[in-house]
Amino acid sequence: MNGSQVELRDIETFLTLAEELHFGRTAQRLHVTTARVSQVIKQQERRIGGQLFDRSTRTVRLTPLGAQLRDDLRPVYAGLLNSLERARQASRGITGTLRVGMIPFNTYDLRPFWTTFRTRHPQWSLQIRRASFVDPFAALRTGEHDILVAWLPVDEPDLTVGPVLFSDRRILAVSTDHELAARSSVSVEMLADFPNGSGERLPDYWEDAYLPFQSPRGLVIERRALLTNGDELIHLVALGETVQVFPVHVTDHWAMPDVRWLPITDLTRLRYALVWRTETEMIRAMARVVSDLGALQR
């Protein structure tokens, strides 16, 4: 993206759209209008001389040029934000920030870890953000996150798995008028009869640990809806377009009258742990906090 007139906000707009692949959600996240997002992208495409996104009435997808630009800009943008944040913190006596990405939704439930870390290390700032459903380990590799809270197993040669924070049972979300809604529980075998949702660019072994690709009898458990965030996923469940497995803690955060939650009788509990790429003093400190307090019990 050449030219001195490109602003940091324009880069943020492009990267947010590249993640959300939806103009409306991008505008919502950035607190601007959809028209403003479209205008920024068109200006960028004119400067570059090529199309960054394929747009249709139903889908928005990155072109190869757009994907290349996204991959090039992510670490640069993260580095710029980090530099600005370090300068702001230095002016307040803060010497560093530990950035935690959350795959689960229960940030509040994990507050004993966050509070203990802040109490032990007042010289450091703790920043907690939702992690993307798309290519979830990418933010660790680009430096956007220092730590990711993710379900196990994580078997990536360049990533380190730390202590477990909690484990959780799994439940199935269906719409209240779905044919399964009248049941008191379901089995994995039943999931092969309905379309399920999924994120994009998830490692196969990691996705299979969350929801198997095959039922115990060998039937394919179909992934039809490829989604970028949990809000979009639960929306499709409520509409009856998909069913979806969730960890049970989401019921504390989503009170939806048009969704029914069904226990799954034959899936083991999911364990969530700290995962990081490059170990630092702050990461070691957070790992010690989790080890000292021990995994939360639900």
C-alpha atoms as a PDB file:
ATOM      1  CA  MET A   1       0.000   0.000   0.000  1.00  0.00           C
ATOM      2  CA  ASN A   2       2.199   2.803  -1.295  1.00  0.00           C
ATOM      3  CA  GLY A   3       1.853   6.540  -0.858  1.00  0.00           C
ATOM      4  CA  SER A   4       2.374   8.913   2.036  1.00  0.00           C
ATOM      5  CA  GLN A   5      -1.369   9.620   2.273  1.00  0.00           C
ATOM      6  CA  VAL A   6      -2.215   6.157   3.647  1.00  0.00           C
ATOM      7  CA  GLU A   7      -3.188   6.523   7.313  1.00  0.00           C
ATOM      8  CA  LEU A   8      -2.990   4.015  10.146  1.00  0.00           C
ATOM      9  CA  ARG A   9      -6.793   3.990  10.286  1.00  0.00           C
ATOM     10  CA  ASP A  10      -6.949   2.954   6.610  1.00  0.00           C
ATOM     11  CA  ILE A  11      -4.664  -0.003   7.323  1.00  0.00           C
ATOM     12  CA  GLU A  12      -6.838  -0.944  10.301  1.00  0.00           C
ATOM     13  CA  THR A  13      -9.918  -0.835   8.066  1.00  0.00           C
ATOM     14  CA  PHE A  14      -8.336  -3.128   5.485  1.00  0.00           C
ATOM     15  CA  LEU A  15      -7.093  -5.644   8.072  1.00  0.00           C
ATOM     16  CA  THR A  16     -10.422  -5.688   9.909  1.00  0.00           C
ATOM     17  CA  LEU A  17     -12.322  -6.361   6.678  1.00  0.00           C
ATOM     18  CA  ALA A  18      -9.766  -9.040   5.779  1.00  0.00           C
ATOM     19  CA  GLU A  19     -10.629 -10.729   9.095  1.00  0.00           C
ATOM     20  CA  GLU A  20     -14.394 -10.221   9.166  1.00  0.00           C
ATOM     21  CA  LEU A  21     -15.043 -10.555   5.384  1.00  0.00           C
ATOM     22  CA  HIS A  22     -18.207  -8.557   5.996  1.00  0.00           C
ATOM     23  CA  PHE A  23     -18.617  -4.807   5.465  1.00  0.00           C
ATOM     24  CA  GLY A  24     -21.329  -4.405   8.097  1.00  0.00           C
ATOM     25  CA  ARG A  25     -19.423  -6.163  10.889  1.00  0.00           C
ATOM     26  CA  THR A  26     -16.261  -4.277   9.961  1.00  0.00           C
ATOM     27  CA  ALA A  27     -18.096  -0.965  10.220  1.00  0.00           C
ATOM     28  CA  GLN A  28     -19.565  -2.022  13.549  1.00  0.00           C
ATOM     29  CA  ARG A  29     -16.173  -2.939  14.986  1.00  0.00           C
ATOM     30  CA  LEU A  30     -14.599   0.313  13.809  1.00  0.00           C
ATOM     31  CA  HIS A  31     -17.598   2.478  14.781  1.00  0.00           C
ATOM     32  CA  VAL A  32     -17.965   3.916  11.286  1.00  0.00           C
ATOM     33  CA  THR A  33     -20.522   3.565   8.514  1.00  0.00           C
ATOM     34  CA  THR A  34     -20.498   0.767   5.964  1.00  0.00           C
ATOM     35  CA  ALA A  35     -20.148   3.416   3.269  1.00  0.00           C
ATOM     36  CA  ARG A  36     -16.962   4.666   4.935  1.00  0.00           C
ATOM     37  CA  VAL A  37     -15.460   1.171   4.924  1.00  0.00           C
ATOM     38  CA  SER A  38     -16.313   0.766   1.242  1.00  0.00           C
ATOM     39  CA  GLN A  39     -14.818   4.168   0.448  1.00  0.00           C
ATOM     40  CA  VAL A  40     -11.536   3.371   2.212  1.00  0.00           C
ATOM     41  CA  ILE A  41     -11.171   0.036   0.420  1.00  0.00           C
ATOM     42  CA  LYS A  42     -11.894   1.567  -2.978  1.00  0.00           C
ATOM     43  CA  GLN A  43      -9.272   4.267  -2.331  1.00  0.00           C
ATOM     44  CA  GLN A  44      -6.732   1.610  -1.413  1.00  0.00           C
ATOM     45  CA  GLU A  45      -7.504  -0.396  -4.547  1.00  0.00           C
ATOM     46  CA  ARG A  46      -7.072   2.703  -6.693  1.00  0.00           C
ATOM     47  CA  ARG A  47      -3.688   3.459  -5.099  1.00  0.00           C
ATOM     48  CA  ILE A  48      -2.475  -0.111  -5.568  1.00  0.00           C
ATOM     49  CA  GLY A  49      -3.998  -0.606  -8.992  1.00  0.00           C
ATOM     50  CA  GLY A  50      -5.652  -3.931  -8.246  1.00  0.00           C
ATOM     51  CA  GLN A  51      -8.668  -5.485  -6.537  1.00  0.00           C
ATOM     52  CA  LEU A  52      -8.188  -6.522  -2.892  1.00  0.00           C
ATOM     53  CA  PHE A  53     -11.589  -8.164  -2.353  1.00  0.00           C
ATOM     54  CA  ASP A  54     -14.023 -10.117  -4.484  1.00  0.00           C
ATOM     55  CA  ARG A  55     -17.479  -8.800  -3.627  1.00  0.00           C
ATOM     56  CA  SER A  56     -20.850 -10.345  -4.393  1.00  0.00           C
ATOM     57  CA  THR A  57     -24.301  -9.921  -2.907  1.00  0.00           C
ATOM     58  CA  ARG A  58     -23.645 -12.797  -0.493  1.00  0.00           C
ATOM     59  CA  THR A  59     -19.899 -13.074   0.083  1.00  0.00           C
ATOM     60  CA  VAL A  60     -16.739 -11.021   0.473  1.00  0.00           C
ATOM     61  CA  ARG A  61     -13.433 -12.785  -0.116  1.00  0.00           C
ATOM     62  CA  LEU A  62      -9.827 -11.716  -0.380  1.00  0.00           C
ATOM     63  CA  THR A  63      -8.241 -11.832  -3.803  1.00  0.00           C
ATOM     64  CA  PRO A  64      -4.706 -13.285  -4.022  1.00  0.00           C
ATOM     65  CA  LEU A  65      -3.441  -9.688  -4.046  1.00  0.00           C
ATOM     66  CA  GLY A  66      -5.496  -8.900  -0.967  1.00  0.00           C
ATOM     67  CA  ALA A  67      -4.249 -12.003   0.851  1.00  0.00           C
ATOM     68  CA  GLN A  68      -0.652 -11.058   0.088  1.00  0.00           C
ATOM     69  CA  LEU A  69      -1.210  -7.531   1.376  1.00  0.00           C
ATOM     70  CA  ARG A  70      -2.888  -8.834   4.535  1.00  0.00           C
ATOM     71  CA  ASP A  71       0.041 -11.132   5.294  1.00  0.00           C
ATOM     72  CA  ASP A  72       2.546  -8.330   4.672  1.00  0.00           C
ATOM     73  CA  LEU A  73       0.682  -5.701   6.696  1.00  0.00           C
ATOM     74  CA  ARG A  74      -0.281  -7.718   9.783  1.00  0.00           C
ATOM     75  CA  PRO A  75       3.161  -7.741  11.448  1.00  0.00           C
ATOM     76  CA  VAL A  76       3.904  -4.167  10.364  1.00  0.00           C
ATOM     77  CA  TYR A  77       0.623  -2.876  11.781  1.00  0.00           C
ATOM     78  CA  ALA A  78       1.049  -4.856  15.005  1.00  0.00           C
ATOM     79  CA  GLY A  79       4.562  -3.426  15.384  1.00  0.00           C
ATOM     80  CA  LEU A  80       3.331   0.147  14.912  1.00  0.00           C
ATOM     81  CA  LEU A  81       0.579  -0.292  17.492  1.00  0.00           C
ATOM     82  CA  ASN A  82       3.014  -1.864  19.931  1.00  0.00           C
ATOM     83  CA  SER A  83       5.441   1.017  19.539  1.00  0.00           C
ATOM     84  CA  LEU A  84       2.705   3.580  20.189  1.00  0.00           C
ATOM     85  CA  GLU A  85       1.394   1.646  23.170  1.00  0.00           C
ATOM     86  CA  ARG A  86       4.870   1.262  24.694  1.00  0.00           C
ATOM     87  CA  ALA A  87       5.383   5.016  24.400  1.00  0.00           C
ATOM     88  CA  ARG A  88       2.042   5.691  26.138  1.00  0.00           C
ATOM     89  CA  GLN A  89       2.808   3.209  28.891  1.00  0.00           C
ATOM     90  CA  ALA A  90       6.332   4.505  29.448  1.00  0.00           C
ATOM     91  CA  SER A  91       4.825   7.922  30.132  1.00  0.00           C
ATOM     92  CA  ARG A  92       2.788   6.275  32.959  1.00  0.00           C
ATOM     93  CA  GLY A  93       5.600   4.125  34.341  1.00  0.00           C
ATOM     94  CA  ILE A  94       4.367   0.905  32.652  1.00  0.00           C
ATOM     95  CA  THR A  95       7.283  -1.074  31.241  1.00  0.00           C
ATOM     96  CA  GLY A  96       5.437  -3.678  29.162  1.00  0.00           C
ATOM     97  CA  THR A  97       2.104  -5.162  28.044  1.00  0.00           C
ATOM     98  CA  LEU A  98       1.098  -8.816  28.031  1.00  0.00           C
ATOM     99  CA  ARG A  99      -1.462  -9.357  25.254  1.00  0.00           C
ATOM    100  CA  VAL A 100      -3.739 -12.355  25.742  1.00  0.00           C
ATOM    101  CA  GLY A 101      -6.028 -13.692  23.004  1.00  0.00           C
ATOM    102  CA  MET A 102      -9.118 -15.620  24.130  1.00  0.00           C
ATOM    103  CA  ILE A 103     -10.657 -18.471  22.135  1.00  0.00           C
ATOM    104  CA  PRO A 104     -13.198 -19.199  24.931  1.00  0.00           C
ATOM    105  CA  PHE A 105     -15.766 -16.577  25.954  1.00  0.00           C
ATOM    106  CA  ASN A 106     -15.359 -16.713  29.734  1.00  0.00           C
ATOM    107  CA  THR A 107     -12.951 -13.815  30.291  1.00  0.00           C
ATOM    108  CA  TYR A 108     -14.847 -12.869  33.452  1.00  0.00           C
ATOM    109  CA  ASP A 109     -14.667 -16.398  34.911  1.00  0.00           C
ATOM    110  CA  LEU A 110     -10.878 -16.302  34.593  1.00  0.00           C
ATOM    111  CA  ARG A 111     -10.566 -13.036  36.535  1.00  0.00           C
ATOM    112  CA  PRO A 112      -8.645 -14.682  39.441  1.00  0.00           C
ATOM    113  CA  PHE A 113      -5.728 -15.224  37.031  1.00  0.00           C
ATOM    114  CA  TRP A 114      -5.914 -11.685  35.634  1.00  0.00           C
ATOM    115  CA  THR A 115      -6.286 -10.056  39.069  1.00  0.00           C
ATOM    116  CA  THR A 116      -3.377 -12.025  40.541  1.00  0.00           C
ATOM    117  CA  PHE A 117      -1.130 -11.160  37.613  1.00  0.00           C
ATOM    118  CA  ARG A 118      -1.929  -7.446  37.922  1.00  0.00           C
ATOM    119  CA  THR A 119      -1.402  -7.514  41.690  1.00  0.00           C
ATOM    120  CA  ARG A 120       1.950  -9.284  41.445  1.00  0.00           C
ATOM    121  CA  HIS A 121       3.207  -7.206  38.508  1.00  0.00           C
ATOM    122  CA  PRO A 122       1.897  -3.620  38.644  1.00  0.00           C
ATOM    123  CA  GLN A 123       4.720  -2.560  36.300  1.00  0.00           C
ATOM    124  CA  TRP A 124       3.049  -4.463  33.449  1.00  0.00           C
ATOM    125  CA  SER A 125      -0.235  -3.901  31.677  1.00  0.00           C
ATOM    126  CA  LEU A 126      -2.521  -6.833  30.855  1.00  0.00           C
ATOM    127  CA  GLN A 127      -4.583  -6.644  27.655  1.00  0.00           C
ATOM    128  CA  ILE A 128      -7.225  -9.301  26.960  1.00  0.00           C
ATOM    129  CA  ARG A 129      -8.908  -9.576  23.557  1.00  0.00           C
ATOM    130  CA  ARG A 130     -11.121 -12.032  21.653  1.00  0.00           C
ATOM    131  CA  ALA A 131      -9.152 -14.207  19.246  1.00  0.00           C
ATOM    132  CA  SER A 132     -10.297 -14.752  15.677  1.00  0.00           C
ATOM    133  CA  PHE A 133     -11.979 -17.964  14.520  1.00  0.00           C
ATOM    134  CA  VAL A 134      -9.950 -17.629  11.304  1.00  0.00           C
ATOM    135  CA  ASP A 135      -6.433 -19.109  11.399  1.00  0.00           C
ATOM    136  CA  PRO A 136      -6.421 -18.832  15.220  1.00  0.00           C
ATOM    137  CA  PHE A 137      -2.662 -19.299  15.755  1.00  0.00           C
ATOM    138  CA  ALA A 138      -1.723 -16.604  13.244  1.00  0.00           C
ATOM    139  CA  ALA A 139      -1.878 -13.820  15.835  1.00  0.00           C
ATOM    140  CA  LEU A 140       0.785 -15.586  17.912  1.00  0.00           C
ATOM    141  CA  ARG A 141       3.004 -15.969  14.873  1.00  0.00           C
ATOM    142  CA  THR A 142       2.646 -12.348  13.772  1.00  0.00           C
ATOM    143  CA  GLY A 143       3.171 -10.987  17.277  1.00  0.00           C
ATOM    144  CA  GLU A 144      -0.336  -9.580  17.663  1.00  0.00           C
ATOM    145  CA  HIS A 145      -0.877 -11.793  20.729  1.00  0.00           C
ATOM    146  CA  ASP A 146       1.739 -12.928  23.241  1.00  0.00           C
ATOM    147  CA  ILE A 147      -0.419 -15.692  24.696  1.00  0.00           C
ATOM    148  CA  LEU A 148      -3.470 -17.543  23.363  1.00  0.00           C
ATOM    149  CA  VAL A 149      -6.006 -19.325  25.576  1.00  0.00           C
ATOM    150  CA  ALA A 150      -6.988 -22.298  23.419  1.00  0.00           C
ATOM    151  CA  TRP A 151      -8.395 -25.779  23.736  1.00  0.00           C
ATOM    152  CA  LEU A 152      -6.064 -28.768  23.678  1.00  0.00           C
ATOM    153  CA  PRO A 153      -4.362 -30.486  22.026  1.00  0.00           C
ATOM    154  CA  VAL A 154      -2.185 -27.865  20.355  1.00  0.00           C
ATOM    155  CA  ASP A 155       0.494 -29.681  18.364  1.00  0.00           C
ATOM    156  CA  GLU A 156       2.366 -26.924  16.514  1.00  0.00           C
ATOM    157  CA  PRO A 157       6.180 -27.244  16.299  1.00  0.00           C
ATOM    158  CA  ASP A 158       6.762 -23.515  16.870  1.00  0.00           C
ATOM    159  CA  LEU A 159       4.281 -23.120  19.761  1.00  0.00           C
ATOM    160  CA  THR A 160       4.618 -23.971  23.447  1.00  0.00           C
ATOM    161  CA  VAL A 161       1.721 -25.294  25.535  1.00  0.00           C
ATOM    162  CA  GLY A 162       1.635 -24.041  29.125  1.00  0.00           C
ATOM    163  CA  PRO A 163      -0.556 -24.804  32.137  1.00  0.00           C
ATOM    164  CA  VAL A 164      -4.293 -25.536  31.945  1.00  0.00           C
ATOM    165  CA  LEU A 165      -6.681 -22.793  33.115  1.00  0.00           C
ATOM    166  CA  PHE A 166      -9.938 -24.767  33.125  1.00  0.00           C
ATOM    167  CA  SER A 167     -11.869 -27.610  31.520  1.00  0.00           C
ATOM    168  CA  ASP A 168     -15.454 -27.600  30.341  1.00  0.00           C
ATOM    169  CA  ARG A 169     -18.226 -29.925  29.258  1.00  0.00           C
ATOM    170  CA  ARG A 170     -19.690 -29.604  25.782  1.00  0.00           C
ATOM    171  CA  ILE A 171     -23.282 -28.936  24.777  1.00  0.00           C
ATOM    172  CA  LEU A 172     -25.174 -28.647  21.513  1.00  0.00           C
ATOM    173  CA  ALA A 173     -26.954 -25.438  20.529  1.00  0.00           C
ATOM    174  CA  VAL A 174     -30.075 -25.831  18.361  1.00  0.00           C
ATOM    175  CA  SER A 175     -32.969 -23.524  17.530  1.00  0.00           C
ATOM    176  CA  THR A 176     -36.067 -23.932  19.667  1.00  0.00           C
ATOM    177  CA  ASP A 177     -38.028 -25.241  16.668  1.00  0.00           C
ATOM    178  CA  HIS A 178     -35.323 -27.713  15.603  1.00  0.00           C
ATOM    179  CA  GLU A 179     -36.267 -31.398  15.542  1.00  0.00           C
ATOM    180  CA  LEU A 180     -33.710 -32.109  18.297  1.00  0.00           C
ATOM    181  CA  ALA A 181     -35.010 -29.374  20.601  1.00  0.00           C
ATOM    182  CA  ALA A 182     -37.479 -31.660  22.390  1.00  0.00           C
ATOM    183  CA  ARG A 183     -34.734 -34.077  23.466  1.00  0.00           C
ATOM    184  CA  SER A 184     -33.109 -33.975  26.910  1.00  0.00           C
ATOM    185  CA  SER A 185     -29.662 -34.839  25.485  1.00  0.00           C
ATOM    186  CA  VAL A 186     -27.924 -35.874  22.264  1.00  0.00           C
ATOM    187  CA  SER A 187     -25.058 -38.099  21.164  1.00  0.00           C
ATOM    188  CA  VAL A 188     -22.242 -37.417  18.697  1.00  0.00           C
ATOM    189  CA  GLU A 189     -23.860 -39.878  16.293  1.00  0.00           C
ATOM    190  CA  MET A 190     -26.853 -37.567  15.911  1.00  0.00           C
ATOM    191  CA  LEU A 191     -24.662 -34.677  14.757  1.00  0.00           C
ATOM    192  CA  ALA A 192     -24.024 -36.425  11.437  1.00  0.00           C
ATOM    193  CA  ASP A 193     -27.657 -35.774  10.470  1.00  0.00           C
ATOM    194  CA  PHE A 194     -27.332 -31.972  10.479  1.00  0.00           C
ATOM    195  CA  PRO A 195     -25.020 -29.265   9.110  1.00  0.00           C
ATOM    196  CA  ASN A 196     -22.536 -27.873  11.622  1.00  0.00           C
ATOM    197  CA  GLY A 197     -20.527 -24.660  11.659  1.00  0.00           C
ATOM    198  CA  SER A 198     -16.769 -24.203  11.621  1.00  0.00           C
ATOM    199  CA  GLY A 199     -14.032 -21.591  11.464  1.00  0.00           C
ATOM    200  CA  GLU A 200     -11.711 -21.102   8.492  1.00  0.00           C
ATOM    201  CA  ARG A 201      -8.125 -22.355   8.254  1.00  0.00           C
ATOM    202  CA  LEU A 202      -8.264 -24.422  11.449  1.00  0.00           C
ATOM    203  CA  PRO A 203      -5.715 -27.251  11.837  1.00  0.00           C
ATOM    204  CA  ASP A 204      -7.555 -30.505  11.156  1.00  0.00           C
ATOM    205  CA  TYR A 205      -6.393 -32.269  14.341  1.00  0.00           C
ATOM    206  CA  TRP A 206      -7.442 -29.255  16.442  1.00  0.00           C
ATOM    207  CA  GLU A 207     -10.891 -28.969  14.868  1.00  0.00           C
ATOM    208  CA  ASP A 208     -11.389 -32.745  15.193  1.00  0.00           C
ATOM    209  CA  ALA A 209     -10.637 -32.506  18.928  1.00  0.00           C
ATOM    210  CA  TYR A 210     -13.461 -29.971  19.275  1.00  0.00           C
ATOM    211  CA  LEU A 211     -15.948 -31.749  17.025  1.00  0.00           C
ATOM    212  CA  PRO A 212     -14.981 -35.046  15.329  1.00  0.00           C
ATOM    213  CA  PHE A 213     -15.088 -35.186  11.552  1.00  0.00           C
ATOM    214  CA  GLN A 214     -16.769 -38.601  11.790  1.00  0.00           C
ATOM    215  CA  SER A 215     -19.384 -40.087  14.077  1.00  0.00           C
ATOM    216  CA  PRO A 216     -18.608 -43.284  16.036  1.00  0.00           C
ATOM    217  CA  ARG A 217     -20.220 -45.267  13.198  1.00  0.00           C
ATOM    218  CA  GLY A 218     -18.077 -43.554  10.584  1.00  0.00           C
ATOM    219  CA  LEU A 219     -20.612 -41.080   9.194  1.00  0.00           C
ATOM    220  CA  VAL A 220     -19.300 -37.681   8.113  1.00  0.00           C
ATOM    221  CA  ILE A 221     -20.185 -34.803  10.449  1.00  0.00           C
ATOM    222  CA  GLU A 222     -20.621 -32.085   7.867  1.00  0.00           C
ATOM    223  CA  ARG A 223     -19.215 -28.574   8.206  1.00  0.00           C
ATOM    224  CA  ARG A 224     -21.337 -26.349   6.028  1.00  0.00           C
ATOM    225  CA  ALA A 225     -21.103 -22.854   7.514  1.00  0.00           C
ATOM    226  CA  LEU A 226     -17.611 -21.304   7.576  1.00  0.00           C
ATOM    227  CA  LEU A 227     -17.723 -18.422  10.032  1.00  0.00           C
ATOM    228  CA  THR A 228     -15.413 -15.767  11.421  1.00  0.00           C
ATOM    229  CA  ASN A 229     -16.860 -15.173  14.901  1.00  0.00           C
ATOM    230  CA  GLY A 230     -19.122 -16.648  17.553  1.00  0.00           C
ATOM    231  CA  ASP A 231     -21.881 -14.061  17.198  1.00  0.00           C
ATOM    232  CA  GLU A 232     -22.383 -15.032  13.559  1.00  0.00           C
ATOM    233  CA  LEU A 233     -22.419 -18.705  14.503  1.00  0.00           C
ATOM    234  CA  ILE A 234     -25.047 -18.451  17.230  1.00  0.00           C
ATOM    235  CA  HIS A 235     -27.148 -16.295  14.880  1.00  0.00           C
ATOM    236  CA  LEU A 236     -27.256 -19.122  12.305  1.00  0.00           C
ATOM    237  CA  VAL A 237     -28.119 -21.602  15.066  1.00  0.00           C
ATOM    238  CA  ALA A 238     -31.042 -19.424  16.163  1.00  0.00           C
ATOM    239  CA  LEU A 239     -32.274 -19.304  12.564  1.00  0.00           C
ATOM    240  CA  GLY A 240     -32.168 -23.114  12.372  1.00  0.00           C
ATOM    241  CA  GLU A 241     -29.564 -23.135   9.592  1.00  0.00           C
ATOM    242  CA  THR A 242     -26.982 -25.056  11.606  1.00  0.00           C
ATOM    243  CA  VAL A 243     -26.413 -26.831  14.899  1.00  0.00           C
ATOM    244  CA  GLN A 244     -23.258 -26.207  16.880  1.00  0.00           C
ATOM    245  CA  VAL A 245     -21.208 -27.707  19.671  1.00  0.00           C
ATOM    246  CA  PHE A 246     -20.082 -25.228  22.342  1.00  0.00           C
ATOM    247  CA  PRO A 247     -18.336 -25.434  25.697  1.00  0.00           C
ATOM    248  CA  VAL A 248     -20.967 -25.091  28.396  1.00  0.00           C
ATOM    249  CA  HIS A 249     -19.613 -21.766  29.701  1.00  0.00           C
ATOM    250  CA  VAL A 250     -21.160 -19.939  26.722  1.00  0.00           C
ATOM    251  CA  THR A 251     -24.592 -20.371  28.338  1.00  0.00           C
ATOM    252  CA  ASP A 252     -23.483 -17.912  31.031  1.00  0.00           C
ATOM    253  CA  HIS A 253     -22.853 -15.267  28.371  1.00  0.00           C
ATOM    254  CA  TRP A 254     -25.604 -15.906  25.790  1.00  0.00           C
ATOM    255  CA  ALA A 255     -29.191 -15.676  27.038  1.00  0.00           C
ATOM    256  CA  MET A 256     -31.152 -16.360  23.868  1.00  0.00           C
ATOM    257  CA  PRO A 257     -34.835 -17.320  23.937  1.00  0.00           C
ATOM    258  CA  ASP A 258     -34.643 -18.894  20.465  1.00  0.00           C
ATOM    259  CA  VAL A 259     -31.758 -21.289  21.270  1.00  0.00           C
ATOM    260  CA  ARG A 260     -31.987 -24.571  23.184  1.00  0.00           C
ATOM    261  CA  TRP A 261     -28.915 -26.098  24.876  1.00  0.00           C
ATOM    262  CA  LEU A 262     -28.634 -29.908  24.925  1.00  0.00           C
ATOM    263  CA  PRO A 263     -26.052 -31.951  26.878  1.00  0.00           C
ATOM    264  CA  ILE A 264     -23.867 -34.191  24.705  1.00  0.00           C
ATOM    265  CA  THR A 265     -23.522 -37.560  26.385  1.00  0.00           C
ATOM    266  CA  ASP A 266     -20.357 -38.890  24.736  1.00  0.00           C
ATOM    267  CA  LEU A 267     -17.883 -36.026  24.294  1.00  0.00           C
ATOM    268  CA  THR A 268     -15.121 -35.600  26.858  1.00  0.00           C
ATOM    269  CA  ARG A 269     -14.402 -32.292  28.549  1.00  0.00           C
ATOM    270  CA  LEU A 270     -12.345 -29.700  26.663  1.00  0.00           C
ATOM    271  CA  ARG A 271      -9.202 -28.456  28.413  1.00  0.00           C
ATOM    272  CA  TYR A 272      -8.068 -24.877  27.782  1.00  0.00           C
ATOM    273  CA  ALA A 273      -4.436 -23.902  28.294  1.00  0.00           C
ATOM    274  CA  LEU A 274      -2.007 -21.050  27.736  1.00  0.00           C
ATOM    275  CA  VAL A 275      -0.174 -21.253  24.397  1.00  0.00           C
ATOM    276  CA  TRP A 276       2.693 -19.031  23.265  1.00  0.00           C
ATOM    277  CA  ARG A 277       5.391 -18.780  20.647  1.00  0.00           C
ATOM    278  CA  THR A 278       8.243 -16.681  22.045  1.00  0.00           C
ATOM    279  CA  GLU A 279       8.727 -16.964  25.789  1.00  0.00           C
ATOM    280  CA  THR A 280       9.287 -13.726  27.695  1.00  0.00           C
ATOM    281  CA  GLU A 281       9.514 -12.713  31.330  1.00  0.00           C
ATOM    282  CA  MET A 282       5.870 -11.614  31.272  1.00  0.00           C
ATOM    283  CA  ILE A 283       4.730 -14.922  29.773  1.00  0.00           C
ATOM    284  CA  ARG A 284       6.658 -16.868  32.410  1.00  0.00           C
ATOM    285  CA  ALA A 285       5.015 -14.720  35.076  1.00  0.00           C
ATOM    286  CA  MET A 286       1.519 -15.461  33.766  1.00  0.00           C
ATOM    287  CA  ALA A 287       2.308 -19.181  33.533  1.00  0.00           C
ATOM    288  CA  ARG A 288       3.430 -19.099  37.191  1.00  0.00           C
ATOM    289  CA  VAL A 289       0.165 -17.420  38.189  1.00  0.00           C
ATOM    290  CA  VAL A 290      -1.887 -20.149  36.478  1.00  0.00           C
ATOM    291  CA  SER A 291       0.285 -22.906  37.945  1.00  0.00           C
ATOM    292  CA  ASP A 292       0.084 -21.399  41.460  1.00  0.00           C
ATOM    293  CA  LEU A 293      -3.707 -20.953  41.414  1.00  0.00           C
ATOM    294  CA  GLY A 294      -4.414 -24.226  39.596  1.00  0.00           C
ATOM    295  CA  ALA A 295      -7.084 -24.980  37.017  1.00  0.00           C
ATOM    296  CA  LEU A 296     -10.543 -23.600  37.770  1.00  0.00           C
ATOM    297  CA  GLN A 297     -13.238 -26.164  38.489  1.00  0.00           C
ATOM    298  CA  ARG A 298     -16.632 -25.893  36.772  1.00  0.00           C
END
